[in-house]
Amino acid sequence: MNRGNLLWTGSRMMLAEYRQLLNERFKEMERKQKPILDEQQKEWIAELISQSMVNDLAVVIDLFDPYQEKEITGKILKIDPQLRRLKVTDQEDYTWITMDNIRNVSLV
């Protein structure tokens, strides 16, 4: 009896729950660990942030994201030391950035 490929046709289907679980598992495998900055790096970042505010210079801020590379370019408008965040603006909009998520800062 030759059924060809019909015997295994039903095994190609996958329930939506299993597909979602597999996608979550693959995404979790790609997750990156947050780098730990030493005191010298933190001081250097703070120095560049203060220079950019005083001289009204644009900065490029590398942010930590566990799944992708994130980078924001703009000018720093405000520093909120209590909530440890920065207000960064580009031409149209502004964004609040948590200081704990900053990996690196460079002047443009």
N, C-alpha and C. Protein backbone atom coordinates (compact mmCIF):
# COMPACT_ATOMS: atom_id res chain seq x y z
N MET A 1 0.84 -1.18 0.00
CA MET A 1 0.00 0.00 0.00
C MET A 1 0.88 1.24 0.00
N ASN A 2 0.76 2.03 -1.02
CA ASN A 2 1.58 3.23 -1.16
C ASN A 2 0.72 4.46 -0.93
N ARG A 3 0.91 5.10 0.19
CA ARG A 3 0.14 6.31 0.50
C ARG A 3 0.93 7.57 0.18
N GLY A 4 2.14 7.42 -0.20
CA GLY A 4 2.97 8.59 -0.51
C GLY A 4 3.24 9.38 0.77
N ASN A 5 2.98 10.64 0.72
CA ASN A 5 3.25 11.54 1.84
C ASN A 5 2.01 11.75 2.71
N LEU A 6 0.91 11.11 2.37
CA LEU A 6 -0.32 11.34 3.10
C LEU A 6 -0.25 10.86 4.55
N LEU A 7 0.60 9.90 4.81
CA LEU A 7 0.72 9.38 6.16
C LEU A 7 1.22 10.44 7.13
N TRP A 8 2.10 11.35 6.67
CA TRP A 8 2.72 12.33 7.56
C TRP A 8 2.14 13.73 7.37
N THR A 9 1.13 13.90 6.59
CA THR A 9 0.57 15.22 6.33
C THR A 9 0.01 15.85 7.59
N GLY A 10 -0.62 15.10 8.44
CA GLY A 10 -1.21 15.65 9.67
C GLY A 10 -0.17 16.11 10.67
N SER A 11 1.06 15.61 10.58
CA SER A 11 2.08 16.00 11.54
C SER A 11 2.68 17.36 11.23
N ARG A 12 2.36 17.95 10.11
CA ARG A 12 2.87 19.28 9.77
C ARG A 12 2.13 20.39 10.49
N MET A 13 0.99 20.10 11.00
CA MET A 13 0.21 21.13 11.68
C MET A 13 0.74 21.34 13.08
N MET A 14 0.65 22.59 13.55
CA MET A 14 1.10 22.89 14.90
C MET A 14 0.05 23.80 15.54
N LEU A 15 -0.28 23.49 16.76
CA LEU A 15 -1.24 24.32 17.47
C LEU A 15 -0.66 25.71 17.71
N ALA A 16 -1.53 26.70 17.74
CA ALA A 16 -1.09 28.09 17.94
C ALA A 16 -0.38 28.26 19.28
N GLU A 17 -0.83 27.54 20.30
CA GLU A 17 -0.20 27.65 21.62
C GLU A 17 1.24 27.15 21.58
N TYR A 18 1.48 26.05 20.85
CA TYR A 18 2.83 25.51 20.73
C TYR A 18 3.72 26.44 19.93
N ARG A 19 3.17 27.02 18.87
CA ARG A 19 3.95 27.96 18.06
C ARG A 19 4.33 29.18 18.90
N GLN A 20 3.39 29.70 19.69
CA GLN A 20 3.68 30.85 20.54
C GLN A 20 4.74 30.49 21.59
N LEU A 21 4.63 29.31 22.16
CA LEU A 21 5.61 28.86 23.14
C LEU A 21 7.00 28.72 22.52
N LEU A 22 7.08 28.18 21.32
CA LEU A 22 8.36 28.07 20.63
C LEU A 22 8.95 29.44 20.31
N ASN A 23 8.12 30.36 19.84
CA ASN A 23 8.61 31.71 19.55
C ASN A 23 9.13 32.40 20.81
N GLU A 24 8.43 32.25 21.92
CA GLU A 24 8.89 32.83 23.17
C GLU A 24 10.21 32.20 23.61
N ARG A 25 10.35 30.89 23.42
CA ARG A 25 11.57 30.19 23.80
C ARG A 25 12.75 30.68 22.97
N PHE A 26 12.55 30.83 21.64
CA PHE A 26 13.62 31.32 20.77
C PHE A 26 14.00 32.76 21.14
N LYS A 27 13.00 33.57 21.45
CA LYS A 27 13.26 34.95 21.83
C LYS A 27 14.05 35.00 23.13
N GLU A 28 13.72 34.16 24.07
CA GLU A 28 14.41 34.12 25.36
C GLU A 28 15.86 33.64 25.19
N MET A 29 16.10 32.78 24.22
CA MET A 29 17.46 32.31 23.96
C MET A 29 18.34 33.43 23.42
N GLU A 30 17.75 34.39 22.72
CA GLU A 30 18.50 35.52 22.16
C GLU A 30 18.68 36.67 23.14
N ARG A 31 18.12 36.57 24.31
CA ARG A 31 18.17 37.64 25.31
C ARG A 31 19.61 37.88 25.76
N LYS A 32 19.99 39.16 25.85
CA LYS A 32 21.34 39.54 26.26
C LYS A 32 21.33 39.94 27.73
N GLN A 33 22.47 39.77 28.37
CA GLN A 33 22.63 40.18 29.76
C GLN A 33 23.04 41.65 29.81
N LYS A 34 22.58 42.35 30.83
CA LYS A 34 22.91 43.76 31.00
C LYS A 34 24.37 43.90 31.43
N PRO A 35 25.14 44.73 30.73
CA PRO A 35 26.53 44.90 31.12
C PRO A 35 26.64 45.72 32.41
N ILE A 36 27.66 45.42 33.18
CA ILE A 36 27.89 46.14 34.43
C ILE A 36 29.00 47.16 34.17
N LEU A 37 28.68 48.44 34.37
CA LEU A 37 29.65 49.50 34.16
C LEU A 37 30.45 49.74 35.43
N ASP A 38 31.74 49.98 35.26
CA ASP A 38 32.54 50.30 36.44
C ASP A 38 32.43 51.81 36.73
N GLU A 39 33.01 52.23 37.83
CA GLU A 39 32.87 53.62 38.28
C GLU A 39 33.48 54.61 37.28
N GLN A 40 34.59 54.25 36.67
CA GLN A 40 35.23 55.14 35.70
C GLN A 40 34.32 55.37 34.49
N GLN A 41 33.68 54.33 34.00
CA GLN A 41 32.76 54.48 32.87
C GLN A 41 31.57 55.34 33.25
N LYS A 42 31.04 55.16 34.46
CA LYS A 42 29.91 55.97 34.92
C LYS A 42 30.30 57.43 35.02
N GLU A 43 31.51 57.72 35.52
CA GLU A 43 31.96 59.10 35.62
C GLU A 43 32.15 59.71 34.23
N TRP A 44 32.68 58.93 33.30
CA TRP A 44 32.87 59.42 31.94
C TRP A 44 31.52 59.74 31.29
N ILE A 45 30.54 58.89 31.46
CA ILE A 45 29.19 59.13 30.92
C ILE A 45 28.59 60.39 31.54
N ALA A 46 28.73 60.56 32.85
CA ALA A 46 28.20 61.74 33.53
C ALA A 46 28.89 63.00 33.03
N GLU A 47 30.19 62.93 32.79
CA GLU A 47 30.94 64.08 32.27
C GLU A 47 30.45 64.48 30.88
N LEU A 48 30.25 63.50 30.02
CA LEU A 48 29.77 63.80 28.66
C LEU A 48 28.35 64.36 28.67
N ILE A 49 27.53 63.85 29.57
CA ILE A 49 26.16 64.37 29.68
C ILE A 49 26.18 65.82 30.13
N SER A 50 26.99 66.13 31.12
CA SER A 50 27.05 67.52 31.61
C SER A 50 27.66 68.44 30.55
N GLN A 51 28.68 67.98 29.82
CA GLN A 51 29.25 68.79 28.74
C GLN A 51 28.21 69.09 27.66
N SER A 52 27.42 68.10 27.32
CA SER A 52 26.42 68.31 26.27
C SER A 52 25.34 69.28 26.71
N MET A 53 24.98 69.25 27.99
CA MET A 53 23.97 70.20 28.47
C MET A 53 24.52 71.61 28.53
N VAL A 54 25.74 71.78 29.04
CA VAL A 54 26.33 73.10 29.18
C VAL A 54 26.59 73.74 27.82
N ASN A 55 27.11 72.98 26.89
CA ASN A 55 27.48 73.51 25.57
C ASN A 55 26.40 73.33 24.51
N ASP A 56 25.25 72.80 24.90
CA ASP A 56 24.12 72.58 24.00
C ASP A 56 24.53 71.74 22.78
N LEU A 57 25.19 70.61 23.07
CA LEU A 57 25.67 69.71 22.02
C LEU A 57 24.77 68.49 21.91
N ALA A 58 24.70 67.93 20.71
CA ALA A 58 23.94 66.70 20.50
C ALA A 58 24.79 65.51 20.95
N VAL A 59 24.12 64.48 21.40
CA VAL A 59 24.78 63.27 21.86
C VAL A 59 24.16 62.05 21.19
N VAL A 60 24.94 60.97 21.16
CA VAL A 60 24.45 59.67 20.74
C VAL A 60 24.50 58.79 21.98
N ILE A 61 23.34 58.27 22.38
CA ILE A 61 23.24 57.46 23.59
C ILE A 61 22.94 56.02 23.20
N ASP A 62 23.83 55.11 23.59
CA ASP A 62 23.60 53.68 23.39
C ASP A 62 22.85 53.16 24.60
N LEU A 63 21.71 52.53 24.36
CA LEU A 63 20.87 52.03 25.43
C LEU A 63 20.89 50.52 25.48
N PHE A 64 20.72 49.99 26.67
CA PHE A 64 20.61 48.55 26.82
C PHE A 64 19.19 48.10 26.55
N ASP A 65 19.06 47.11 25.72
CA ASP A 65 17.81 46.42 25.47
C ASP A 65 18.17 44.95 25.34
N PRO A 66 17.48 44.07 26.05
CA PRO A 66 17.89 42.67 26.04
C PRO A 66 17.74 41.98 24.69
N TYR A 67 17.01 42.55 23.75
CA TYR A 67 16.74 41.86 22.50
C TYR A 67 17.29 42.54 21.26
N GLN A 68 17.60 43.83 21.33
CA GLN A 68 18.09 44.53 20.14
C GLN A 68 18.99 45.69 20.55
N GLU A 69 19.74 46.21 19.59
CA GLU A 69 20.58 47.38 19.82
C GLU A 69 19.71 48.63 19.70
N LYS A 70 19.85 49.54 20.66
CA LYS A 70 19.08 50.78 20.62
C LYS A 70 20.04 51.95 20.73
N GLU A 71 19.75 52.98 19.95
CA GLU A 71 20.58 54.17 19.94
C GLU A 71 19.68 55.38 19.75
N ILE A 72 19.90 56.42 20.55
CA ILE A 72 19.12 57.65 20.45
C ILE A 72 20.07 58.81 20.23
N THR A 73 19.77 59.65 19.26
CA THR A 73 20.57 60.84 18.97
C THR A 73 19.71 62.07 19.22
N GLY A 74 20.26 63.02 19.96
CA GLY A 74 19.53 64.25 20.23
C GLY A 74 20.24 65.09 21.26
N LYS A 75 19.55 66.12 21.73
CA LYS A 75 20.09 67.01 22.75
C LYS A 75 19.41 66.71 24.08
N ILE A 76 20.18 66.82 25.15
CA ILE A 76 19.65 66.58 26.49
C ILE A 76 19.03 67.88 27.00
N LEU A 77 17.75 67.84 27.30
CA LEU A 77 17.05 69.03 27.78
C LEU A 77 17.04 69.14 29.29
N LYS A 78 16.92 67.99 29.96
CA LYS A 78 16.71 68.02 31.40
C LYS A 78 17.25 66.74 32.02
N ILE A 79 17.76 66.89 33.26
CA ILE A 79 18.19 65.74 34.05
C ILE A 79 17.33 65.70 35.30
N ASP A 80 16.71 64.57 35.55
CA ASP A 80 15.90 64.39 36.75
C ASP A 80 16.67 63.45 37.69
N PRO A 81 17.40 64.03 38.68
CA PRO A 81 18.24 63.17 39.54
C PRO A 81 17.44 62.29 40.49
N GLN A 82 16.25 62.70 40.86
CA GLN A 82 15.45 61.89 41.78
C GLN A 82 14.98 60.59 41.12
N LEU A 83 14.50 60.70 39.90
CA LEU A 83 14.03 59.51 39.18
C LEU A 83 15.12 58.90 38.30
N ARG A 84 16.31 59.51 38.31
CA ARG A 84 17.46 59.03 37.54
C ARG A 84 17.10 58.82 36.08
N ARG A 85 16.72 59.92 35.43
CA ARG A 85 16.38 59.84 34.02
C ARG A 85 16.77 61.13 33.31
N LEU A 86 16.86 61.06 31.98
CA LEU A 86 17.21 62.18 31.13
C LEU A 86 16.08 62.45 30.15
N LYS A 87 15.89 63.72 29.84
CA LYS A 87 14.94 64.10 28.80
C LYS A 87 15.74 64.47 27.56
N VAL A 88 15.62 63.65 26.52
CA VAL A 88 16.38 63.83 25.29
C VAL A 88 15.41 64.18 24.17
N THR A 89 15.79 65.16 23.36
CA THR A 89 14.93 65.57 22.26
C THR A 89 15.66 65.44 20.93
N ASP A 90 14.90 65.06 19.90
CA ASP A 90 15.40 65.18 18.55
C ASP A 90 14.63 66.34 17.92
N GLN A 91 14.49 66.40 16.65
CA GLN A 91 13.85 67.55 16.02
C GLN A 91 12.36 67.67 16.36
N GLU A 92 11.64 66.56 16.43
CA GLU A 92 10.19 66.62 16.60
C GLU A 92 9.70 66.30 18.00
N ASP A 93 10.31 65.33 18.66
CA ASP A 93 9.75 64.76 19.87
C ASP A 93 10.82 64.63 20.95
N TYR A 94 10.39 64.32 22.16
CA TYR A 94 11.34 64.07 23.24
C TYR A 94 11.08 62.70 23.85
N THR A 95 12.10 62.18 24.54
CA THR A 95 12.05 60.86 25.15
C THR A 95 12.70 60.92 26.51
N TRP A 96 12.09 60.26 27.49
CA TRP A 96 12.71 60.10 28.80
C TRP A 96 13.50 58.80 28.79
N ILE A 97 14.76 58.88 29.22
CA ILE A 97 15.64 57.73 29.25
C ILE A 97 16.07 57.47 30.68
N THR A 98 15.96 56.25 31.14
CA THR A 98 16.43 55.88 32.46
C THR A 98 17.95 55.76 32.43
N MET A 99 18.61 56.39 33.39
CA MET A 99 20.07 56.39 33.42
C MET A 99 20.66 54.99 33.59
N ASP A 100 19.93 54.09 34.21
CA ASP A 100 20.42 52.73 34.43
C ASP A 100 20.51 51.95 33.12
N ASN A 101 19.81 52.40 32.08
CA ASN A 101 19.84 51.70 30.79
C ASN A 101 20.89 52.25 29.83
N ILE A 102 21.64 53.26 30.24
CA ILE A 102 22.66 53.85 29.36
C ILE A 102 23.92 52.99 29.40
N ARG A 103 24.36 52.59 28.21
CA ARG A 103 25.61 51.82 28.11
C ARG A 103 26.79 52.71 27.74
N ASN A 104 26.54 53.70 26.86
CA ASN A 104 27.61 54.57 26.41
C ASN A 104 27.01 55.87 25.88
N VAL A 105 27.80 56.94 25.97
CA VAL A 105 27.40 58.26 25.46
C VAL A 105 28.58 58.81 24.67
N SER A 106 28.27 59.41 23.52
CA SER A 106 29.31 60.08 22.74
C SER A 106 28.75 61.37 22.19
N LEU A 107 29.62 62.38 22.08
CA LEU A 107 29.21 63.67 21.54
C LEU A 107 29.21 63.61 20.03
N VAL A 108 28.29 64.34 19.42
CA VAL A 108 28.19 64.36 17.95
C VAL A 108 29.01 65.49 17.41
